[in-house]
């Protein structure tokens, strides 16, 4: 009942502040249900509780307010993952939304379930907080819209975290070069692997289950997980200058991340217009590049 206790504390804090604003009242809250006529005590911080055992004794209206406060806290305090998709017929991206996890309030009692049922299972994408995942299938549409300043969506200027499949490939990674300028506030790039262990081909795409599509959760790899994953390659890559050339190698995911960080930095440093997060003097890309996977 941590969420409920936190919500009760919020209401107690609000009531205490309200009572301090009323000049005719000198009553203060010292314990739940007990008042003392002590002006000095009324200026102190309200009591914060770790547990609250009398919730069922509260008035129905107050219990409802607590449930609503708890529901809003859960909605506003949770960052999520938005899956980018593009409609090739209309040539516009689909609405950017984040699907929420089922509220824990639905598992408490009838009152909380009634409140939880009024909460939408999705909300608009918040570019400052949420992660934007761009699947391989929509990669070129995504970077194409960023490369054209007139067509670049307004939310792109606020995006701070993006997730890219490792299957994007070297040439596709090169194509993002003119697009970096369209993500001026970028702070983190997540390179998403299709599996968390064993052997994976570098061109293997991420496949999300129905549950993951409804509520995608992205987590960073631990160092042990990276060490336990092997990446292989055996294909022909396209280079715009030299054409097709063979790619055949095998390395740990740790080594692959080192290589990918190096390639991303090089694509940025050779761009005509450098983003502000590249330090030319120190040859440093001030963007965090992390390995991740969907759970």
C-alpha atoms as a PDB file:
ATOM      1  CA  UNK A   1       0.000   0.000   0.000  1.00  0.00           C
ATOM      2  CA  UNK A   2       2.989   2.317  -0.532  1.00  0.00           C
ATOM      3  CA  UNK A   3       1.162   4.271  -3.241  1.00  0.00           C
ATOM      4  CA  UNK A   4      -1.847   4.816  -0.981  1.00  0.00           C
ATOM      5  CA  UNK A   5       0.333   5.856   1.984  1.00  0.00           C
ATOM      6  CA  UNK A   6       2.174   8.342  -0.201  1.00  0.00           C
ATOM      7  CA  UNK A   7      -1.133   9.762  -1.392  1.00  0.00           C
ATOM      8  CA  UNK A   8      -2.413  10.082   2.190  1.00  0.00           C
ATOM      9  CA  UNK A   9       0.781  11.950   3.085  1.00  0.00           C
ATOM     10  CA  UNK A  10       0.149  14.339   0.186  1.00  0.00           C
ATOM     11  CA  UNK A  11      -3.341  15.065   1.441  1.00  0.00           C
ATOM     12  CA  UNK A  12      -2.118  15.583   5.000  1.00  0.00           C
ATOM     13  CA  UNK A  13       0.542  17.986   3.710  1.00  0.00           C
ATOM     14  CA  UNK A  14      -2.040  19.879   1.665  1.00  0.00           C
ATOM     15  CA  UNK A  15      -4.445  20.164   4.596  1.00  0.00           C
ATOM     16  CA  UNK A  16      -1.648  21.331   6.884  1.00  0.00           C
ATOM     17  CA  UNK A  17      -0.577  24.041   4.408  1.00  0.00           C
ATOM     18  CA  UNK A  18      -4.192  25.135   3.991  1.00  0.00           C
ATOM     19  CA  UNK A  19      -4.691  25.427   7.753  1.00  0.00           C
ATOM     20  CA  UNK A  20      -1.545  27.559   8.068  1.00  0.00           C
ATOM     21  CA  UNK A  21      -2.950  29.989   5.544  1.00  0.00           C
ATOM     22  CA  UNK A  22      -6.097  30.570   7.618  1.00  0.00           C
ATOM     23  CA  UNK A  23      -5.268  33.392  10.125  1.00  0.00           C
ATOM     24  CA  UNK A  24      -8.113  32.580  12.558  1.00  0.00           C
ATOM     25  CA  UNK A  25      -7.009  28.984  13.106  1.00  0.00           C
ATOM     26  CA  UNK A  26      -4.181  28.015  15.467  1.00  0.00           C
ATOM     27  CA  UNK A  27      -4.861  24.296  15.394  1.00  0.00           C
ATOM     28  CA  UNK A  28      -2.166  21.933  14.097  1.00  0.00           C
ATOM     29  CA  UNK A  29      -2.012  18.233  13.287  1.00  0.00           C
ATOM     30  CA  UNK A  30       0.235  16.319  15.685  1.00  0.00           C
ATOM     31  CA  UNK A  31      -1.226  12.830  15.209  1.00  0.00           C
ATOM     32  CA  UNK A  32      -3.986  11.547  12.953  1.00  0.00           C
ATOM     33  CA  UNK A  33      -7.230  12.667  14.558  1.00  0.00           C
ATOM     34  CA  UNK A  34      -5.553  14.665  17.372  1.00  0.00           C
ATOM     35  CA  UNK A  35      -5.293  18.448  17.481  1.00  0.00           C
ATOM     36  CA  UNK A  36      -3.164  20.684  19.687  1.00  0.00           C
ATOM     37  CA  UNK A  37      -3.439  24.450  20.190  1.00  0.00           C
ATOM     38  CA  UNK A  38       0.212  25.171  19.512  1.00  0.00           C
ATOM     39  CA  UNK A  39       1.094  27.921  17.001  1.00  0.00           C
ATOM     40  CA  UNK A  40       4.769  26.935  17.037  1.00  0.00           C
ATOM     41  CA  UNK A  41       3.969  23.334  16.128  1.00  0.00           C
ATOM     42  CA  UNK A  42       1.709  24.462  13.294  1.00  0.00           C
ATOM     43  CA  UNK A  43       4.732  25.869  11.479  1.00  0.00           C
ATOM     44  CA  UNK A  44       6.546  22.527  11.503  1.00  0.00           C
ATOM     45  CA  UNK A  45       6.485  19.998   8.704  1.00  0.00           C
ATOM     46  CA  UNK A  46       3.512  17.603   8.842  1.00  0.00           C
ATOM     47  CA  UNK A  47       3.961  14.060  10.049  1.00  0.00           C
ATOM     48  CA  UNK A  48       5.036  11.683   7.259  1.00  0.00           C
ATOM     49  CA  UNK A  49       3.875   8.098   7.656  1.00  0.00           C
ATOM     50  CA  UNK A  50       5.485   4.924   6.385  1.00  0.00           C
ATOM     51  CA  UNK A  51       2.260   2.960   6.870  1.00  0.00           C
ATOM     52  CA  UNK A  52      -1.359   3.884   7.392  1.00  0.00           C
ATOM     53  CA  UNK A  53      -3.666   1.274   8.933  1.00  0.00           C
ATOM     54  CA  UNK A  54      -6.924   3.230   9.177  1.00  0.00           C
ATOM     55  CA  UNK A  55      -7.588   3.864   5.509  1.00  0.00           C
ATOM     56  CA  UNK A  56     -10.889   1.949   5.503  1.00  0.00           C
ATOM     57  CA  UNK A  57     -12.167   4.217   8.316  1.00  0.00           C
ATOM     58  CA  UNK A  58     -11.823   7.356   6.212  1.00  0.00           C
ATOM     59  CA  UNK A  59     -14.890   8.962   4.656  1.00  0.00           C
ATOM     60  CA  UNK A  60     -15.713   7.544   1.181  1.00  0.00           C
ATOM     61  CA  UNK A  61     -15.062  10.922  -0.411  1.00  0.00           C
ATOM     62  CA  UNK A  62     -11.577  11.104   1.082  1.00  0.00           C
ATOM     63  CA  UNK A  63     -10.783   7.506   0.090  1.00  0.00           C
ATOM     64  CA  UNK A  64     -11.810   8.327  -3.482  1.00  0.00           C
ATOM     65  CA  UNK A  65      -9.530  11.361  -3.449  1.00  0.00           C
ATOM     66  CA  UNK A  66      -6.634   9.193  -2.285  1.00  0.00           C
ATOM     67  CA  UNK A  67      -7.244   6.652  -5.082  1.00  0.00           C
ATOM     68  CA  UNK A  68      -7.393   9.443  -7.670  1.00  0.00           C
ATOM     69  CA  UNK A  69      -4.168  10.976  -6.344  1.00  0.00           C
ATOM     70  CA  UNK A  70      -2.455   7.571  -6.454  1.00  0.00           C
ATOM     71  CA  UNK A  71      -3.659   6.987 -10.027  1.00  0.00           C
ATOM     72  CA  UNK A  72      -2.372  10.378 -11.182  1.00  0.00           C
ATOM     73  CA  UNK A  73       1.000   9.781  -9.514  1.00  0.00           C
ATOM     74  CA  UNK A  74       1.359   6.502 -11.396  1.00  0.00           C
ATOM     75  CA  UNK A  75       0.472   8.189 -14.697  1.00  0.00           C
ATOM     76  CA  UNK A  76       2.726  11.217 -14.329  1.00  0.00           C
ATOM     77  CA  UNK A  77       5.719   9.465 -12.798  1.00  0.00           C
ATOM     78  CA  UNK A  78       6.312   6.713 -15.340  1.00  0.00           C
ATOM     79  CA  UNK A  79       8.576   7.155 -18.354  1.00  0.00           C
ATOM     80  CA  UNK A  80       7.871   4.815 -21.232  1.00  0.00           C
ATOM     81  CA  UNK A  81       8.851   3.625 -24.697  1.00  0.00           C
ATOM     82  CA  UNK A  82       7.150   4.922 -27.828  1.00  0.00           C
ATOM     83  CA  UNK A  83       7.385   2.724 -30.939  1.00  0.00           C
ATOM     84  CA  UNK A  84       7.772   4.832 -34.066  1.00  0.00           C
ATOM     85  CA  UNK A  85       5.708   3.822 -37.098  1.00  0.00           C
ATOM     86  CA  UNK A  86       5.191   5.423 -40.484  1.00  0.00           C
ATOM     87  CA  UNK A  87       2.240   5.418 -42.871  1.00  0.00           C
ATOM     88  CA  UNK A  88       3.701   5.209 -46.360  1.00  0.00           C
ATOM     89  CA  UNK A  89       0.377   6.059 -47.999  1.00  0.00           C
ATOM     90  CA  UNK A  90      -0.071   9.364 -46.199  1.00  0.00           C
ATOM     91  CA  UNK A  91       3.698   9.856 -45.849  1.00  0.00           C
ATOM     92  CA  UNK A  92       3.366  10.826 -42.226  1.00  0.00           C
ATOM     93  CA  UNK A  93       4.261   9.087 -38.993  1.00  0.00           C
ATOM     94  CA  UNK A  94       1.497   7.535 -36.961  1.00  0.00           C
ATOM     95  CA  UNK A  95       0.450   9.244 -33.696  1.00  0.00           C
ATOM     96  CA  UNK A  96       3.200   8.924 -31.100  1.00  0.00           C
ATOM     97  CA  UNK A  97       1.803   7.327 -27.964  1.00  0.00           C
ATOM     98  CA  UNK A  98       3.098   5.446 -24.936  1.00  0.00           C
ATOM     99  CA  UNK A  99       1.101   2.482 -23.673  1.00  0.00           C
ATOM    100  CA  UNK A 100       0.822   2.256 -19.907  1.00  0.00           C
ATOM    101  CA  UNK A 101       1.153  -0.789 -17.748  1.00  0.00           C
ATOM    102  CA  UNK A 102      -2.084  -2.023 -16.132  1.00  0.00           C
ATOM    103  CA  UNK A 103      -2.578  -0.040 -12.943  1.00  0.00           C
ATOM    104  CA  UNK A 104      -1.872  -1.853  -9.677  1.00  0.00           C
ATOM    105  CA  UNK A 105      -4.929  -0.101  -8.293  1.00  0.00           C
ATOM    106  CA  UNK A 106      -7.061  -2.553 -10.273  1.00  0.00           C
ATOM    107  CA  UNK A 107      -5.880  -5.319  -7.934  1.00  0.00           C
ATOM    108  CA  UNK A 108      -6.683  -3.694  -4.572  1.00  0.00           C
ATOM    109  CA  UNK A 109     -10.460  -3.461  -4.134  1.00  0.00           C
ATOM    110  CA  UNK A 110     -13.671  -2.362  -5.852  1.00  0.00           C
ATOM    111  CA  UNK A 111     -13.111   1.340  -5.114  1.00  0.00           C
ATOM    112  CA  UNK A 112      -9.626   1.392  -6.595  1.00  0.00           C
ATOM    113  CA  UNK A 113     -10.706  -0.678  -9.602  1.00  0.00           C
ATOM    114  CA  UNK A 114     -13.428   1.861 -10.367  1.00  0.00           C
ATOM    115  CA  UNK A 115     -10.834   4.642 -10.395  1.00  0.00           C
ATOM    116  CA  UNK A 116      -8.325   2.564 -12.391  1.00  0.00           C
ATOM    117  CA  UNK A 117     -10.951   1.862 -15.050  1.00  0.00           C
ATOM    118  CA  UNK A 118     -11.169   5.591 -15.819  1.00  0.00           C
ATOM    119  CA  UNK A 119      -7.443   5.822 -16.589  1.00  0.00           C
ATOM    120  CA  UNK A 120      -6.581   5.604 -20.296  1.00  0.00           C
ATOM    121  CA  UNK A 121      -4.224   2.788 -21.314  1.00  0.00           C
ATOM    122  CA  UNK A 122      -2.152   5.185 -23.410  1.00  0.00           C
ATOM    123  CA  UNK A 123      -0.899   8.748 -23.312  1.00  0.00           C
ATOM    124  CA  UNK A 124       0.884  11.121 -25.699  1.00  0.00           C
ATOM    125  CA  UNK A 125       4.617  10.691 -26.218  1.00  0.00           C
ATOM    126  CA  UNK A 126       6.696  12.991 -24.003  1.00  0.00           C
ATOM    127  CA  UNK A 127       9.940  13.645 -25.937  1.00  0.00           C
ATOM    128  CA  UNK A 128      11.753  14.990 -22.878  1.00  0.00           C
ATOM    129  CA  UNK A 129      11.184  11.849 -20.795  1.00  0.00           C
ATOM    130  CA  UNK A 130      10.231   8.886 -22.993  1.00  0.00           C
ATOM    131  CA  UNK A 131      12.401   6.730 -25.251  1.00  0.00           C
ATOM    132  CA  UNK A 132      11.624   6.737 -28.985  1.00  0.00           C
ATOM    133  CA  UNK A 133      12.243   3.308 -30.515  1.00  0.00           C
ATOM    134  CA  UNK A 134      12.699   3.323 -34.295  1.00  0.00           C
ATOM    135  CA  UNK A 135      12.387  -0.148 -35.898  1.00  0.00           C
ATOM    136  CA  UNK A 136      14.519  -1.041 -38.916  1.00  0.00           C
ATOM    137  CA  UNK A 137      11.450  -1.032 -41.174  1.00  0.00           C
ATOM    138  CA  UNK A 138      10.872   2.698 -40.593  1.00  0.00           C
ATOM    139  CA  UNK A 139      14.472   3.802 -40.212  1.00  0.00           C
ATOM    140  CA  UNK A 140      14.870   5.616 -43.539  1.00  0.00           C
ATOM    141  CA  UNK A 141      11.510   7.384 -43.178  1.00  0.00           C
ATOM    142  CA  UNK A 142      12.538   8.568 -39.721  1.00  0.00           C
ATOM    143  CA  UNK A 143      15.949   9.975 -40.679  1.00  0.00           C
ATOM    144  CA  UNK A 144      14.521  11.355 -43.906  1.00  0.00           C
ATOM    145  CA  UNK A 145      12.083  13.546 -42.010  1.00  0.00           C
ATOM    146  CA  UNK A 146      14.890  14.765 -39.740  1.00  0.00           C
ATOM    147  CA  UNK A 147      17.231  15.588 -42.623  1.00  0.00           C
ATOM    148  CA  UNK A 148      14.683  17.992 -44.131  1.00  0.00           C
ATOM    149  CA  UNK A 149      14.382  20.913 -41.738  1.00  0.00           C
ATOM    150  CA  UNK A 150      11.076  21.965 -43.297  1.00  0.00           C
ATOM    151  CA  UNK A 151       9.592  18.495 -42.755  1.00  0.00           C
ATOM    152  CA  UNK A 152      11.211  17.763 -39.400  1.00  0.00           C
ATOM    153  CA  UNK A 153       8.505  17.290 -36.748  1.00  0.00           C
ATOM    154  CA  UNK A 154       8.470  19.702 -33.834  1.00  0.00           C
ATOM    155  CA  UNK A 155       8.808  16.975 -31.220  1.00  0.00           C
ATOM    156  CA  UNK A 156      12.157  15.882 -32.699  1.00  0.00           C
ATOM    157  CA  UNK A 157      13.789  19.022 -31.321  1.00  0.00           C
ATOM    158  CA  UNK A 158      12.924  17.851 -27.793  1.00  0.00           C
ATOM    159  CA  UNK A 159      13.810  14.146 -28.044  1.00  0.00           C
ATOM    160  CA  UNK A 160      16.503  13.154 -25.563  1.00  0.00           C
ATOM    161  CA  UNK A 161      16.521   9.353 -25.896  1.00  0.00           C
ATOM    162  CA  UNK A 162      16.242   7.164 -28.992  1.00  0.00           C
ATOM    163  CA  UNK A 163      16.549   3.398 -29.416  1.00  0.00           C
ATOM    164  CA  UNK A 164      17.928   1.834 -32.618  1.00  0.00           C
ATOM    165  CA  UNK A 165      18.115  -1.812 -33.619  1.00  0.00           C
ATOM    166  CA  UNK A 166      21.650  -3.156 -34.010  1.00  0.00           C
ATOM    167  CA  UNK A 167      20.405  -4.633 -37.307  1.00  0.00           C
ATOM    168  CA  UNK A 168      20.286  -1.139 -38.838  1.00  0.00           C
ATOM    169  CA  UNK A 169      23.699  -1.756 -40.423  1.00  0.00           C
ATOM    170  CA  UNK A 170      26.693   0.394 -41.264  1.00  0.00           C
ATOM    171  CA  UNK A 171      25.285   2.152 -44.344  1.00  0.00           C
ATOM    172  CA  UNK A 172      22.036   2.978 -42.606  1.00  0.00           C
ATOM    173  CA  UNK A 173      24.049   4.291 -39.673  1.00  0.00           C
ATOM    174  CA  UNK A 174      26.002   6.454 -42.098  1.00  0.00           C
ATOM    175  CA  UNK A 175      22.734   7.845 -43.455  1.00  0.00           C
ATOM    176  CA  UNK A 176      21.873   9.306 -40.072  1.00  0.00           C
ATOM    177  CA  UNK A 177      24.808  11.725 -40.383  1.00  0.00           C
ATOM    178  CA  UNK A 178      22.836  14.638 -41.856  1.00  0.00           C
ATOM    179  CA  UNK A 179      20.021  13.910 -39.428  1.00  0.00           C
ATOM    180  CA  UNK A 180      21.865  14.484 -36.159  1.00  0.00           C
ATOM    181  CA  UNK A 181      21.234  18.203 -36.413  1.00  0.00           C
ATOM    182  CA  UNK A 182      17.495  17.424 -36.208  1.00  0.00           C
ATOM    183  CA  UNK A 183      17.954  15.971 -32.701  1.00  0.00           C
ATOM    184  CA  UNK A 184      19.607  18.911 -30.909  1.00  0.00           C
ATOM    185  CA  UNK A 185      18.821  17.690 -27.391  1.00  0.00           C
ATOM    186  CA  UNK A 186      19.773  14.040 -27.845  1.00  0.00           C
ATOM    187  CA  UNK A 187      21.438  12.603 -24.741  1.00  0.00           C
ATOM    188  CA  UNK A 188      21.215   8.815 -25.039  1.00  0.00           C
ATOM    189  CA  UNK A 189      21.251   6.278 -27.875  1.00  0.00           C
ATOM    190  CA  UNK A 190      20.156   2.741 -27.030  1.00  0.00           C
ATOM    191  CA  UNK A 191      21.409   0.034 -29.387  1.00  0.00           C
ATOM    192  CA  UNK A 192      18.802  -2.703 -29.087  1.00  0.00           C
ATOM    193  CA  UNK A 193      19.915  -6.329 -29.432  1.00  0.00           C
ATOM    194  CA  UNK A 194      17.394  -9.034 -30.450  1.00  0.00           C
ATOM    195  CA  UNK A 195      18.497 -11.477 -27.715  1.00  0.00           C
ATOM    196  CA  UNK A 196      20.285 -11.370 -24.371  1.00  0.00           C
ATOM    197  CA  UNK A 197      22.482 -14.464 -24.643  1.00  0.00           C
ATOM    198  CA  UNK A 198      23.968 -17.089 -26.939  1.00  0.00           C
ATOM    199  CA  UNK A 199      24.802 -16.228 -30.563  1.00  0.00           C
ATOM    200  CA  UNK A 200      23.006 -13.650 -32.709  1.00  0.00           C
ATOM    201  CA  UNK A 201      23.531 -12.629 -36.313  1.00  0.00           C
ATOM    202  CA  UNK A 202      24.165  -8.909 -36.622  1.00  0.00           C
ATOM    203  CA  UNK A 203      21.309  -8.492 -39.113  1.00  0.00           C
ATOM    204  CA  UNK A 204      18.741 -10.257 -36.902  1.00  0.00           C
ATOM    205  CA  UNK A 205      15.858  -7.891 -36.224  1.00  0.00           C
ATOM    206  CA  UNK A 206      14.091  -7.301 -32.924  1.00  0.00           C
ATOM    207  CA  UNK A 207      10.777  -9.154 -32.713  1.00  0.00           C
ATOM    208  CA  UNK A 208       8.279  -7.924 -30.154  1.00  0.00           C
ATOM    209  CA  UNK A 209       5.512 -10.109 -28.769  1.00  0.00           C
ATOM    210  CA  UNK A 210       1.918  -8.872 -28.502  1.00  0.00           C
ATOM    211  CA  UNK A 211       2.498  -8.138 -24.812  1.00  0.00           C
ATOM    212  CA  UNK A 212       5.661  -6.169 -25.589  1.00  0.00           C
ATOM    213  CA  UNK A 213       3.870  -4.162 -28.269  1.00  0.00           C
ATOM    214  CA  UNK A 214       1.155  -3.255 -25.767  1.00  0.00           C
ATOM    215  CA  UNK A 215       3.657  -2.206 -23.123  1.00  0.00           C
ATOM    216  CA  UNK A 216       7.297  -2.224 -24.288  1.00  0.00           C
ATOM    217  CA  UNK A 217       9.925  -2.106 -21.563  1.00  0.00           C
ATOM    218  CA  UNK A 218      13.552  -1.400 -22.435  1.00  0.00           C
ATOM    219  CA  UNK A 219      16.417  -2.341 -20.121  1.00  0.00           C
ATOM    220  CA  UNK A 220      20.144  -1.831 -20.313  1.00  0.00           C
ATOM    221  CA  UNK A 221      22.491  -4.800 -20.544  1.00  0.00           C
ATOM    222  CA  UNK A 222      24.717  -5.614 -17.629  1.00  0.00           C
ATOM    223  CA  UNK A 223      28.386  -6.236 -18.356  1.00  0.00           C
ATOM    224  CA  UNK A 224      27.917  -9.951 -17.644  1.00  0.00           C
ATOM    225  CA  UNK A 225      25.059 -10.132 -20.145  1.00  0.00           C
ATOM    226  CA  UNK A 226      27.152  -8.449 -22.829  1.00  0.00           C
ATOM    227  CA  UNK A 227      30.018 -10.850 -22.216  1.00  0.00           C
ATOM    228  CA  UNK A 228      27.666 -13.829 -22.598  1.00  0.00           C
ATOM    229  CA  UNK A 229      26.387 -12.686 -26.018  1.00  0.00           C
ATOM    230  CA  UNK A 230      28.258 -13.326 -29.274  1.00  0.00           C
ATOM    231  CA  UNK A 231      27.554 -11.362 -32.453  1.00  0.00           C
ATOM    232  CA  UNK A 232      28.357 -12.833 -35.863  1.00  0.00           C
ATOM    233  CA  UNK A 233      28.291 -11.481 -39.418  1.00  0.00           C
ATOM    234  CA  UNK A 234      28.382 -13.202 -42.795  1.00  0.00           C
ATOM    235  CA  UNK A 235      26.889 -11.037 -45.528  1.00  0.00           C
ATOM    236  CA  UNK A 236      27.697  -8.431 -48.160  1.00  0.00           C
ATOM    237  CA  UNK A 237      27.504  -4.800 -47.137  1.00  0.00           C
ATOM    238  CA  UNK A 238      26.849  -1.933 -49.523  1.00  0.00           C
ATOM    239  CA  UNK A 239      29.177   1.018 -49.632  1.00  0.00           C
ATOM    240  CA  UNK A 240      28.130   4.094 -51.686  1.00  0.00           C
ATOM    241  CA  UNK A 241      31.685   4.467 -53.055  1.00  0.00           C
ATOM    242  CA  UNK A 242      33.002   0.927 -53.445  1.00  0.00           C
ATOM    243  CA  UNK A 243      29.760  -1.023 -53.866  1.00  0.00           C
ATOM    244  CA  UNK A 244      29.274  -4.438 -52.256  1.00  0.00           C
ATOM    245  CA  UNK A 245      31.965  -5.880 -50.032  1.00  0.00           C
ATOM    246  CA  UNK A 246      31.946  -9.015 -47.816  1.00  0.00           C
ATOM    247  CA  UNK A 247      31.481  -8.800 -44.056  1.00  0.00           C
ATOM    248  CA  UNK A 248      32.449 -11.868 -42.047  1.00  0.00           C
ATOM    249  CA  UNK A 249      33.432 -11.770 -38.394  1.00  0.00           C
ATOM    250  CA  UNK A 250      32.587 -12.935 -34.872  1.00  0.00           C
ATOM    251  CA  UNK A 251      32.958 -10.949 -31.663  1.00  0.00           C
ATOM    252  CA  UNK A 252      31.469 -10.492 -28.240  1.00  0.00           C
ATOM    253  CA  UNK A 253      28.657  -8.003 -27.722  1.00  0.00           C
ATOM    254  CA  UNK A 254      31.080  -5.976 -25.602  1.00  0.00           C
ATOM    255  CA  UNK A 255      33.480  -5.669 -28.550  1.00  0.00           C
ATOM    256  CA  UNK A 256      30.555  -4.947 -30.872  1.00  0.00           C
ATOM    257  CA  UNK A 257      29.448  -2.036 -28.694  1.00  0.00           C
ATOM    258  CA  UNK A 258      32.972  -0.576 -28.822  1.00  0.00           C
ATOM    259  CA  UNK A 259      32.887  -0.810 -32.623  1.00  0.00           C
ATOM    260  CA  UNK A 260      29.412   0.715 -32.862  1.00  0.00           C
ATOM    261  CA  UNK A 261      30.349   3.644 -30.611  1.00  0.00           C
ATOM    262  CA  UNK A 262      33.362   4.264 -32.826  1.00  0.00           C
ATOM    263  CA  UNK A 263      31.270   4.185 -36.033  1.00  0.00           C
ATOM    264  CA  UNK A 264      28.590   6.484 -34.653  1.00  0.00           C
ATOM    265  CA  UNK A 265      31.196   9.000 -33.550  1.00  0.00           C
ATOM    266  CA  UNK A 266      32.851   8.906 -36.990  1.00  0.00           C
ATOM    267  CA  UNK A 267      29.565   9.447 -38.835  1.00  0.00           C
ATOM    268  CA  UNK A 268      28.964  12.542 -36.727  1.00  0.00           C
ATOM    269  CA  UNK A 269      32.475  14.040 -36.898  1.00  0.00           C
ATOM    270  CA  UNK A 270      32.454  13.994 -40.714  1.00  0.00           C
ATOM    271  CA  UNK A 271      29.061  15.647 -41.051  1.00  0.00           C
ATOM    272  CA  UNK A 272      28.808  19.022 -42.776  1.00  0.00           C
ATOM    273  CA  UNK A 273      26.812  20.433 -39.863  1.00  0.00           C
ATOM    274  CA  UNK A 274      28.007  19.215 -36.498  1.00  0.00           C
ATOM    275  CA  UNK A 275      25.560  18.801 -33.610  1.00  0.00           C
ATOM    276  CA  UNK A 276      26.384  20.709 -30.450  1.00  0.00           C
ATOM    277  CA  UNK A 277      27.097  17.529 -28.503  1.00  0.00           C
ATOM    278  CA  UNK A 278      30.170  16.718 -30.591  1.00  0.00           C
ATOM    279  CA  UNK A 279      33.382  18.227 -29.217  1.00  0.00           C
ATOM    280  CA  UNK A 280      35.658  18.696 -32.216  1.00  0.00           C
ATOM    281  CA  UNK A 281      38.718  19.709 -30.169  1.00  0.00           C
ATOM    282  CA  UNK A 282      38.631  16.585 -27.991  1.00  0.00           C
ATOM    283  CA  UNK A 283      37.024  14.349 -30.658  1.00  0.00           C
ATOM    284  CA  UNK A 284      34.356  13.329 -28.157  1.00  0.00           C
ATOM    285  CA  UNK A 285      30.692  12.631 -28.768  1.00  0.00           C
ATOM    286  CA  UNK A 286      28.879  13.762 -25.624  1.00  0.00           C
ATOM    287  CA  UNK A 287      26.061  11.281 -26.037  1.00  0.00           C
ATOM    288  CA  UNK A 288      25.664   8.121 -23.980  1.00  0.00           C
ATOM    289  CA  UNK A 289      25.501   4.976 -26.172  1.00  0.00           C
ATOM    290  CA  UNK A 290      24.159   1.956 -24.295  1.00  0.00           C
ATOM    291  CA  UNK A 291      23.241  -1.647 -25.125  1.00  0.00           C
ATOM    292  CA  UNK A 292      19.629  -2.540 -24.381  1.00  0.00           C
ATOM    293  CA  UNK A 293      16.949  -5.191 -24.880  1.00  0.00           C
ATOM    294  CA  UNK A 294      13.196  -5.533 -24.576  1.00  0.00           C
ATOM    295  CA  UNK A 295      11.800  -7.569 -21.670  1.00  0.00           C
END
